[in-house]
Amino acid sequence: MLTRSRANRKVKTPGGRLVIHRQKYYSSGGVCAISGNKLALSKKTKPGLSRQASRSSKRPNRPYGGMVSSKALRRGITRQVRDL
């Protein structure tokens, strides 16, 4: 939530003046449960747009989509196949 103290920041410009910049806060986007890398999710996962979009448009349509990155999933599948 944006309270006044979190949203407004005093920034000193190169000219020496103090001006107020309003910051935008977005959700973190998502982190892979295995590798800890940032997930490549769509822009619809941002808080303002998330209510308008369907659940399937916010995450990839594959096993563990939105939880595990594609690299980690690929590594896991190949490891499983090779163990058989």
PDB file of N, CA and C in Angstrom:
ATOM      1  N   MET A   1       0.835  -1.181   0.000  1.00  0.00           N
ATOM      2  CA  MET A   1       0.000   0.000   0.000  1.00  0.00           C
ATOM      3  C   MET A   1       0.880   1.246   0.000  1.00  0.00           C
ATOM      4  N   LEU A   2       0.444   2.263  -0.720  1.00  0.00           N
ATOM      5  CA  LEU A   2       1.225   3.488  -0.800  1.00  0.00           C
ATOM      6  C   LEU A   2       0.741   4.495   0.230  1.00  0.00           C
ATOM      7  N   THR A   3       1.491   4.615   1.295  1.00  0.00           N
ATOM      8  CA  THR A   3       1.212   5.690   2.234  1.00  0.00           C
ATOM      9  C   THR A   3       1.991   6.903   1.757  1.00  0.00           C
ATOM     10  N   ARG A   4       1.733   8.048   2.327  1.00  0.00           N
ATOM     11  CA  ARG A   4       2.404   9.255   1.853  1.00  0.00           C
ATOM     12  C   ARG A   4       3.919   9.160   1.996  1.00  0.00           C
ATOM     13  N   SER A   5       4.365   8.573   3.090  1.00  0.00           N
ATOM     14  CA  SER A   5       5.807   8.527   3.322  1.00  0.00           C
ATOM     15  C   SER A   5       6.510   7.562   2.368  1.00  0.00           C
ATOM     16  N   ARG A   6       5.818   6.503   1.959  1.00  0.00           N
ATOM     17  CA  ARG A   6       6.435   5.548   1.033  1.00  0.00           C
ATOM     18  C   ARG A   6       6.362   6.028  -0.412  1.00  0.00           C
ATOM     19  N   ALA A   7       5.298   6.742  -0.758  1.00  0.00           N
ATOM     20  CA  ALA A   7       5.097   7.138  -2.139  1.00  0.00           C
ATOM     21  C   ALA A   7       5.928   8.356  -2.512  1.00  0.00           C
ATOM     22  N   ASN A   8       6.036   9.319  -1.610  1.00  0.00           N
ATOM     23  CA  ASN A   8       6.720  10.569  -1.927  1.00  0.00           C
ATOM     24  C   ASN A   8       8.157  10.541  -1.411  1.00  0.00           C
ATOM     25  N   ARG A   9       9.073  10.844  -2.318  1.00  0.00           N
ATOM     26  CA  ARG A   9      10.488  10.889  -1.955  1.00  0.00           C
ATOM     27  C   ARG A   9      11.047  12.259  -2.317  1.00  0.00           C
ATOM     28  N   LYS A  10      11.813  12.841  -1.418  1.00  0.00           N
ATOM     29  CA  LYS A  10      12.472  14.108  -1.715  1.00  0.00           C
ATOM     30  C   LYS A  10      13.780  13.807  -2.434  1.00  0.00           C
ATOM     31  N   VAL A  11      13.936  14.397  -3.614  1.00  0.00           N
ATOM     32  CA  VAL A  11      15.111  14.143  -4.447  1.00  0.00           C
ATOM     33  C   VAL A  11      15.775  15.477  -4.738  1.00  0.00           C
ATOM     34  N   LYS A  12      17.091  15.506  -4.585  1.00  0.00           N
ATOM     35  CA  LYS A  12      17.835  16.725  -4.892  1.00  0.00           C
ATOM     36  C   LYS A  12      18.232  16.686  -6.361  1.00  0.00           C
ATOM     37  N   THR A  13      17.828  17.690  -7.103  1.00  0.00           N
ATOM     38  CA  THR A  13      18.122  17.752  -8.532  1.00  0.00           C
ATOM     39  C   THR A  13      19.537  18.287  -8.743  1.00  0.00           C
ATOM     40  N   PRO A  14      20.076  18.109  -9.951  1.00  0.00           N
ATOM     41  CA  PRO A  14      21.427  18.648 -10.220  1.00  0.00           C
ATOM     42  C   PRO A  14      21.530  20.154 -10.028  1.00  0.00           C
ATOM     43  N   GLY A  15      20.403  20.863 -10.154  1.00  0.00           N
ATOM     44  CA  GLY A  15      20.402  22.321  -9.958  1.00  0.00           C
ATOM     45  C   GLY A  15      20.418  22.719  -8.501  1.00  0.00           C
ATOM     46  N   GLY A  16      20.278  21.744  -7.586  1.00  0.00           N
ATOM     47  CA  GLY A  16      20.331  22.033  -6.160  1.00  0.00           C
ATOM     48  C   GLY A  16      18.967  22.171  -5.501  1.00  0.00           C
ATOM     49  N   ARG A  17      17.878  22.085  -6.287  1.00  0.00           N
ATOM     50  CA  ARG A  17      16.537  22.194  -5.721  1.00  0.00           C
ATOM     51  C   ARG A  17      16.078  20.862  -5.151  1.00  0.00           C
ATOM     52  N   LEU A  18      15.227  20.933  -4.139  1.00  0.00           N
ATOM     53  CA  LEU A  18      14.611  19.725  -3.589  1.00  0.00           C
ATOM     54  C   LEU A  18      13.219  19.584  -4.193  1.00  0.00           C
ATOM     55  N   VAL A  19      12.977  18.489  -4.897  1.00  0.00           N
ATOM     56  CA  VAL A  19      11.662  18.254  -5.478  1.00  0.00           C
ATOM     57  C   VAL A  19      11.132  16.921  -4.971  1.00  0.00           C
ATOM     58  N   ILE A  20       9.827  16.726  -5.060  1.00  0.00           N
ATOM     59  CA  ILE A  20       9.214  15.486  -4.593  1.00  0.00           C
ATOM     60  C   ILE A  20       8.918  14.603  -5.789  1.00  0.00           C
ATOM     61  N   HIS A  21       9.450  13.402  -5.775  1.00  0.00           N
ATOM     62  CA  HIS A  21       9.156  12.390  -6.791  1.00  0.00           C
ATOM     63  C   HIS A  21       8.224  11.361  -6.184  1.00  0.00           C
ATOM     64  N   ARG A  22       7.232  10.971  -6.953  1.00  0.00           N
ATOM     65  CA  ARG A  22       6.302   9.939  -6.504  1.00  0.00           C
ATOM     66  C   ARG A  22       6.776   8.603  -7.050  1.00  0.00           C
ATOM     67  N   GLN A  23       7.000   7.642  -6.159  1.00  0.00           N
ATOM     68  CA  GLN A  23       7.500   6.339  -6.564  1.00  0.00           C
ATOM     69  C   GLN A  23       6.361   5.382  -6.833  1.00  0.00           C
ATOM     70  N   LYS A  24       6.581   4.478  -7.803  1.00  0.00           N
ATOM     71  CA  LYS A  24       5.610   3.428  -8.093  1.00  0.00           C
ATOM     72  C   LYS A  24       6.132   2.133  -7.488  1.00  0.00           C
ATOM     73  N   TYR A  25       5.268   1.405  -6.825  1.00  0.00           N
ATOM     74  CA  TYR A  25       5.649   0.131  -6.235  1.00  0.00           C
ATOM     75  C   TYR A  25       4.901  -0.972  -6.960  1.00  0.00           C
ATOM     76  N   TYR A  26       5.635  -1.983  -7.384  1.00  0.00           N
ATOM     77  CA  TYR A  26       5.038  -3.133  -8.051  1.00  0.00           C
ATOM     78  C   TYR A  26       5.348  -4.385  -7.247  1.00  0.00           C
ATOM     79  N   SER A  27       4.598  -5.431  -7.512  1.00  0.00           N
ATOM     80  CA  SER A  27       4.892  -6.696  -6.854  1.00  0.00           C
ATOM     81  C   SER A  27       6.213  -7.227  -7.383  1.00  0.00           C
ATOM     82  N   SER A  28       6.835  -8.116  -6.643  1.00  0.00           N
ATOM     83  CA  SER A  28       8.171  -8.605  -7.001  1.00  0.00           C
ATOM     84  C   SER A  28       8.164  -9.393  -8.299  1.00  0.00           C
ATOM     85  N   GLY A  29       7.013  -9.882  -8.734  1.00  0.00           N
ATOM     86  CA  GLY A  29       6.948 -10.570 -10.009  1.00  0.00           C
ATOM     87  C   GLY A  29       7.004 -12.065  -9.886  1.00  0.00           C
ATOM     88  N   GLY A  30       7.728 -12.591  -8.950  1.00  0.00           N
ATOM     89  CA  GLY A  30       7.792 -14.028  -8.765  1.00  0.00           C
ATOM     90  C   GLY A  30       9.211 -14.536  -8.777  1.00  0.00           C
ATOM     91  N   VAL A  31       9.469 -15.538  -7.964  1.00  0.00           N
ATOM     92  CA  VAL A  31      10.799 -16.120  -7.835  1.00  0.00           C
ATOM     93  C   VAL A  31      10.674 -17.627  -7.985  1.00  0.00           C
ATOM     94  N   CYS A  32      11.633 -18.232  -8.676  1.00  0.00           N
ATOM     95  CA  CYS A  32      11.640 -19.683  -8.883  1.00  0.00           C
ATOM     96  C   CYS A  32      11.846 -20.386  -7.547  1.00  0.00           C
ATOM     97  N   ALA A  33      11.057 -21.424  -7.306  1.00  0.00           N
ATOM     98  CA  ALA A  33      11.125 -22.143  -6.037  1.00  0.00           C
ATOM     99  C   ALA A  33      12.381 -22.996  -5.927  1.00  0.00           C
ATOM    100  N   ILE A  34      12.974 -23.375  -7.047  1.00  0.00           N
ATOM    101  CA  ILE A  34      14.156 -24.249  -7.030  1.00  0.00           C
ATOM    102  C   ILE A  34      15.447 -23.442  -7.097  1.00  0.00           C
ATOM    103  N   SER A  35      15.570 -22.598  -8.138  1.00  0.00           N
ATOM    104  CA  SER A  35      16.830 -21.890  -8.359  1.00  0.00           C
ATOM    105  C   SER A  35      16.880 -20.523  -7.695  1.00  0.00           C
ATOM    106  N   GLY A  36      15.719 -19.935  -7.407  1.00  0.00           N
ATOM    107  CA  GLY A  36      15.694 -18.613  -6.785  1.00  0.00           C
ATOM    108  C   GLY A  36      15.812 -17.483  -7.782  1.00  0.00           C
ATOM    109  N   ASN A  37      15.841 -17.801  -9.089  1.00  0.00           N
ATOM    110  CA  ASN A  37      15.919 -16.763 -10.115  1.00  0.00           C
ATOM    111  C   ASN A  37      14.561 -16.100 -10.298  1.00  0.00           C
ATOM    112  N   LYS A  38      14.588 -14.914 -10.914  1.00  0.00           N
ATOM    113  CA  LYS A  38      13.357 -14.183 -11.172  1.00  0.00           C
ATOM    114  C   LYS A  38      12.601 -14.865 -12.314  1.00  0.00           C
ATOM    115  N   LEU A  39      11.284 -15.016 -12.155  1.00  0.00           N
ATOM    116  CA  LEU A  39      10.473 -15.645 -13.190  1.00  0.00           C
ATOM    117  C   LEU A  39      10.122 -14.636 -14.275  1.00  0.00           C
ATOM    118  N   ALA A  40      10.038 -15.106 -15.505  1.00  0.00           N
ATOM    119  CA  ALA A  40       9.642 -14.266 -16.631  1.00  0.00           C
ATOM    120  C   ALA A  40       8.128 -14.319 -16.759  1.00  0.00           C
ATOM    121  N   LEU A  41       7.435 -13.487 -15.989  1.00  0.00           N
ATOM    122  CA  LEU A  41       5.980 -13.456 -16.006  1.00  0.00           C
ATOM    123  C   LEU A  41       5.492 -12.280 -16.845  1.00  0.00           C
ATOM    124  N   SER A  42       4.242 -12.299 -17.230  1.00  0.00           N
ATOM    125  CA  SER A  42       3.694 -11.243 -18.079  1.00  0.00           C
ATOM    126  C   SER A  42       3.483  -9.966 -17.277  1.00  0.00           C
ATOM    127  N   LYS A  43       3.256  -8.875 -17.983  1.00  0.00           N
ATOM    128  CA  LYS A  43       3.040  -7.586 -17.332  1.00  0.00           C
ATOM    129  C   LYS A  43       1.697  -7.538 -16.610  1.00  0.00           C
ATOM    130  N   LYS A  44       0.826  -8.482 -16.900  1.00  0.00           N
ATOM    131  CA  LYS A  44      -0.491  -8.503 -16.267  1.00  0.00           C
ATOM    132  C   LYS A  44      -0.417  -8.938 -14.812  1.00  0.00           C
ATOM    133  N   THR A  45       0.765  -9.347 -14.338  1.00  0.00           N
ATOM    134  CA  THR A  45       0.898  -9.734 -12.942  1.00  0.00           C
ATOM    135  C   THR A  45       1.053  -8.518 -12.028  1.00  0.00           C
ATOM    136  N   LYS A  46       1.195  -7.323 -12.603  1.00  0.00           N
ATOM    137  CA  LYS A  46       1.283  -6.115 -11.789  1.00  0.00           C
ATOM    138  C   LYS A  46      -0.038  -5.909 -11.048  1.00  0.00           C
ATOM    139  N   PRO A  47      -0.010  -5.355  -9.846  1.00  0.00           N
ATOM    140  CA  PRO A  47      -1.195  -5.290  -9.003  1.00  0.00           C
ATOM    141  C   PRO A  47      -2.409  -4.632  -9.643  1.00  0.00           C
ATOM    142  N   GLY A  48      -2.240  -3.535 -10.376  1.00  0.00           N
ATOM    143  CA  GLY A  48      -3.378  -2.843 -10.952  1.00  0.00           C
ATOM    144  C   GLY A  48      -4.064  -3.631 -12.041  1.00  0.00           C
ATOM    145  N   LEU A  49      -3.298  -4.433 -12.786  1.00  0.00           N
ATOM    146  CA  LEU A  49      -3.849  -5.173 -13.909  1.00  0.00           C
ATOM    147  C   LEU A  49      -4.255  -6.588 -13.536  1.00  0.00           C
ATOM    148  N   SER A  50      -3.879  -7.044 -12.347  1.00  0.00           N
ATOM    149  CA  SER A  50      -4.081  -8.453 -12.010  1.00  0.00           C
ATOM    150  C   SER A  50      -5.562  -8.801 -11.841  1.00  0.00           C
ATOM    151  N   ARG A  51      -6.390  -7.844 -11.456  1.00  0.00           N
ATOM    152  CA  ARG A  51      -7.809  -8.135 -11.277  1.00  0.00           C
ATOM    153  C   ARG A  51      -8.513  -8.294 -12.620  1.00  0.00           C
ATOM    154  N   GLN A  52      -8.031  -7.580 -13.627  1.00  0.00           N
ATOM    155  CA  GLN A  52      -8.684  -7.610 -14.928  1.00  0.00           C
ATOM    156  C   GLN A  52      -8.331  -8.873 -15.713  1.00  0.00           C
ATOM    157  N   ALA A  53      -7.161  -9.416 -15.483  1.00  0.00           N
ATOM    158  CA  ALA A  53      -6.680 -10.532 -16.287  1.00  0.00           C
ATOM    159  C   ALA A  53      -7.094 -11.869 -15.682  1.00  0.00           C
ATOM    160  N   SER A  54      -7.227 -12.862 -16.551  1.00  0.00           N
ATOM    161  CA  SER A  54      -7.558 -14.203 -16.082  1.00  0.00           C
ATOM    162  C   SER A  54      -6.325 -14.862 -15.478  1.00  0.00           C
ATOM    163  N   ARG A  55      -6.514 -15.923 -14.729  1.00  0.00           N
ATOM    164  CA  ARG A  55      -5.402 -16.585 -14.065  1.00  0.00           C
ATOM    165  C   ARG A  55      -4.447 -17.220 -15.079  1.00  0.00           C
ATOM    166  N   SER A  56      -5.005 -17.760 -16.163  1.00  0.00           N
ATOM    167  CA  SER A  56      -4.152 -18.422 -17.155  1.00  0.00           C
ATOM    168  C   SER A  56      -3.280 -17.436 -17.922  1.00  0.00           C
ATOM    169  N   SER A  57      -3.699 -16.176 -18.001  1.00  0.00           N
ATOM    170  CA  SER A  57      -2.884 -15.195 -18.725  1.00  0.00           C
ATOM    171  C   SER A  57      -1.757 -14.640 -17.858  1.00  0.00           C
ATOM    172  N   LYS A  58      -1.792 -14.913 -16.568  1.00  0.00           N
ATOM    173  CA  LYS A  58      -0.768 -14.381 -15.668  1.00  0.00           C
ATOM    174  C   LYS A  58       0.423 -15.311 -15.500  1.00  0.00           C
ATOM    175  N   ARG A  59       0.268 -16.571 -15.851  1.00  0.00           N
ATOM    176  CA  ARG A  59       1.378 -17.515 -15.683  1.00  0.00           C
ATOM    177  C   ARG A  59       1.435 -18.444 -16.887  1.00  0.00           C
ATOM    178  N   PRO A  60       2.599 -19.027 -17.167  1.00  0.00           N
ATOM    179  CA  PRO A  60       2.754 -19.880 -18.342  1.00  0.00           C
ATOM    180  C   PRO A  60       1.943 -21.168 -18.239  1.00  0.00           C
ATOM    181  N   ASN A  61       1.479 -21.646 -19.371  1.00  0.00           N
ATOM    182  CA  ASN A  61       0.701 -22.878 -19.416  1.00  0.00           C
ATOM    183  C   ASN A  61       1.625 -24.072 -19.593  1.00  0.00           C
ATOM    184  N   ARG A  62       2.225 -24.509 -18.519  1.00  0.00           N
ATOM    185  CA  ARG A  62       3.063 -25.706 -18.513  1.00  0.00           C
ATOM    186  C   ARG A  62       3.071 -26.232 -17.080  1.00  0.00           C
ATOM    187  N   PRO A  63       3.546 -27.455 -16.878  1.00  0.00           N
ATOM    188  CA  PRO A  63       3.610 -27.971 -15.506  1.00  0.00           C
ATOM    189  C   PRO A  63       4.451 -27.050 -14.622  1.00  0.00           C
ATOM    190  N   TYR A  64       3.981 -26.787 -13.434  1.00  0.00           N
ATOM    191  CA  TYR A  64       4.628 -25.900 -12.456  1.00  0.00           C
ATOM    192  C   TYR A  64       4.790 -24.481 -12.988  1.00  0.00           C
ATOM    193  N   GLY A  65       3.927 -24.056 -13.913  1.00  0.00           N
ATOM    194  CA  GLY A  65       3.998 -22.709 -14.466  1.00  0.00           C
ATOM    195  C   GLY A  65       3.721 -21.670 -13.404  1.00  0.00           C
ATOM    196  N   GLY A  66       4.554 -20.660 -13.313  1.00  0.00           N
ATOM    197  CA  GLY A  66       4.397 -19.611 -12.319  1.00  0.00           C
ATOM    198  C   GLY A  66       5.060 -19.937 -10.995  1.00  0.00           C
ATOM    199  N   MET A  67       5.589 -21.155 -10.853  1.00  0.00           N
ATOM    200  CA  MET A  67       6.279 -21.550  -9.621  1.00  0.00           C
ATOM    201  C   MET A  67       7.752 -21.845  -9.869  1.00  0.00           C
ATOM    202  N   VAL A  68       8.032 -22.500 -10.999  1.00  0.00           N
ATOM    203  CA  VAL A  68       9.396 -22.933 -11.318  1.00  0.00           C
ATOM    204  C   VAL A  68       9.783 -22.328 -12.663  1.00  0.00           C
ATOM    205  N   SER A  69      11.031 -21.856 -12.781  1.00  0.00           N
ATOM    206  CA  SER A  69      11.485 -21.286 -14.043  1.00  0.00           C
ATOM    207  C   SER A  69      11.630 -22.372 -15.095  1.00  0.00           C
ATOM    208  N   SER A  70      11.638 -21.960 -16.346  1.00  0.00           N
ATOM    209  CA  SER A  70      11.692 -22.924 -17.441  1.00  0.00           C
ATOM    210  C   SER A  70      13.003 -23.710 -17.428  1.00  0.00           C
ATOM    211  N   LYS A  71      14.097 -23.046 -17.073  1.00  0.00           N
ATOM    212  CA  LYS A  71      15.405 -23.733 -17.014  1.00  0.00           C
ATOM    213  C   LYS A  71      15.407 -24.832 -15.954  1.00  0.00           C
ATOM    214  N   ALA A  72      14.893 -24.505 -14.774  1.00  0.00           N
ATOM    215  CA  ALA A  72      14.873 -25.473 -13.678  1.00  0.00           C
ATOM    216  C   ALA A  72      13.957 -26.642 -14.014  1.00  0.00           C
ATOM    217  N   LEU A  73      12.830 -26.358 -14.657  1.00  0.00           N
ATOM    218  CA  LEU A  73      11.900 -27.415 -15.038  1.00  0.00           C
ATOM    219  C   LEU A  73      12.530 -28.332 -16.082  1.00  0.00           C
ATOM    220  N   ARG A  74      13.199 -27.736 -17.064  1.00  0.00           N
ATOM    221  CA  ARG A  74      13.860 -28.524 -18.105  1.00  0.00           C
ATOM    222  C   ARG A  74      14.922 -29.444 -17.501  1.00  0.00           C
ATOM    223  N   ARG A  75      15.696 -28.876 -16.552  1.00  0.00           N
ATOM    224  CA  ARG A  75      16.734 -29.671 -15.878  1.00  0.00           C
ATOM    225  C   ARG A  75      16.116 -30.830 -15.094  1.00  0.00           C
ATOM    226  N   GLY A  76      14.994 -30.564 -14.401  1.00  0.00           N
ATOM    227  CA  GLY A  76      14.328 -31.574 -13.618  1.00  0.00           C
ATOM    228  C   GLY A  76      13.753 -32.692 -14.466  1.00  0.00           C
ATOM    229  N   ILE A  77      13.156 -32.321 -15.623  1.00  0.00           N
ATOM    230  CA  ILE A  77      12.579 -33.329 -16.517  1.00  0.00           C
ATOM    231  C   ILE A  77      13.659 -34.208 -17.111  1.00  0.00           C
ATOM    232  N   THR A  78      14.759 -33.614 -17.567  1.00  0.00           N
ATOM    233  CA  THR A  78      15.840 -34.423 -18.145  1.00  0.00           C
ATOM    234  C   THR A  78      16.462 -35.328 -17.090  1.00  0.00           C
ATOM    235  N   ARG A  79      16.581 -34.842 -15.864  1.00  0.00           N
ATOM    236  CA  ARG A  79      17.142 -35.682 -14.794  1.00  0.00           C
ATOM    237  C   ARG A  79      16.228 -36.887 -14.504  1.00  0.00           C
ATOM    238  N   GLN A  80      14.917 -36.638 -14.515  1.00  0.00           N
ATOM    239  CA  GLN A  80      13.954 -37.714 -14.270  1.00  0.00           C
ATOM    240  C   GLN A  80      14.000 -38.756 -15.379  1.00  0.00           C
ATOM    241  N   VAL A  81      14.075 -38.307 -16.620  1.00  0.00           N
ATOM    242  CA  VAL A  81      14.090 -39.220 -17.761  1.00  0.00           C
ATOM    243  C   VAL A  81      15.356 -40.055 -17.761  1.00  0.00           C
ATOM    244  N   ARG A  82      16.477 -39.437 -17.415  1.00  0.00           N
ATOM    245  CA  ARG A  82      17.754 -40.175 -17.424  1.00  0.00           C
ATOM    246  C   ARG A  82      17.847 -41.206 -16.309  1.00  0.00           C
ATOM    247  N   ASP A  83      17.105 -40.972 -15.218  1.00  0.00           N
ATOM    248  CA  ASP A  83      17.129 -41.930 -14.114  1.00  0.00           C
ATOM    249  C   ASP A  83      16.334 -43.189 -14.434  1.00  0.00           C
ATOM    250  N   LEU A  84      15.394 -43.107 -15.362  1.00  0.00           N
ATOM    251  CA  LEU A  84      14.562 -44.286 -15.686  1.00  0.00           C
ATOM    252  C   LEU A  84      15.322 -45.383 -16.371  1.00  0.00           C
TER     253      LEU A  84
END
